[in-house]
Amino acid sequence: MKDGFTYNLTVPIKKPGAYQLRTALRDGVSDRVGAASQFIEVPDIKKNRLVISGILLKGTTLQNFNKSSSGAPTEISASDDPSDEETPPGAGVALRHFARGMVMEFGYVIYNAQLNKSTGTPQVQTQVRLFHNGQQVFTGGEKPFDATNQPDLKRVAVGGAMQLGKEMEPGEYVLQIVVTDLLAKEKHRVATQWIDFEIVK
């Protein structure tokens, strides 16, 4: 009742291309109606070219992140430790609102990375970039991705996290993911994806 809830629905898509997903919700008690829409690009993965899925975001405190993960989040700016309070409302996948000092977790899928003929594994590098008001405010290093324990090397799941600095300005931000396939032809070697989110006070 306080923070709302997330509703999941699987929508089969027959053809690749650009779509607009619209949804509406009616409160049966008050008869109030809410609606939202979002454009979605469905890639053609049958061409066997490097493609990235959409990005999912989730927010948590540093304390909760350390309890559930063995790796440290990337620090995108100097900051004090965030408070150990519960995760603020709106820090889930729907609203994409995050408080300063939180850890923002992200995940996506890499499709069709080329495989090394001798090792049978991909050679992929990932990079994170952050933009605010049209200006690039953070550039992560290019990191080789370890595909160990991935059940399907044509659909590689990737996850990461970054801690939002306490001094970061509130407002709209854009997270960009850049993936480079070192084994692919130069024309189809790089794929990018982005998602917007907001830092609130």
Foldseek 3Di string as FASTA:
>chain_A
DVQDDDDDDDDDDDDFAKDKDKDKDADPPVRDMDIDIDIAGGDDLVVLFKEKHAKFKAKFAQVVCVVVDPDHAAEQDDADADDPDGADRQRGRPQQEHEANIKMKMKIKIANQDADPVPRAFWKWKWKWKDDPRHTSGTGDTHTDDQPPPPDRRIGMDMGMYHGHNPDDWDKMKMKMKMAGPPDDPVRGIYMYMDMHTYDD
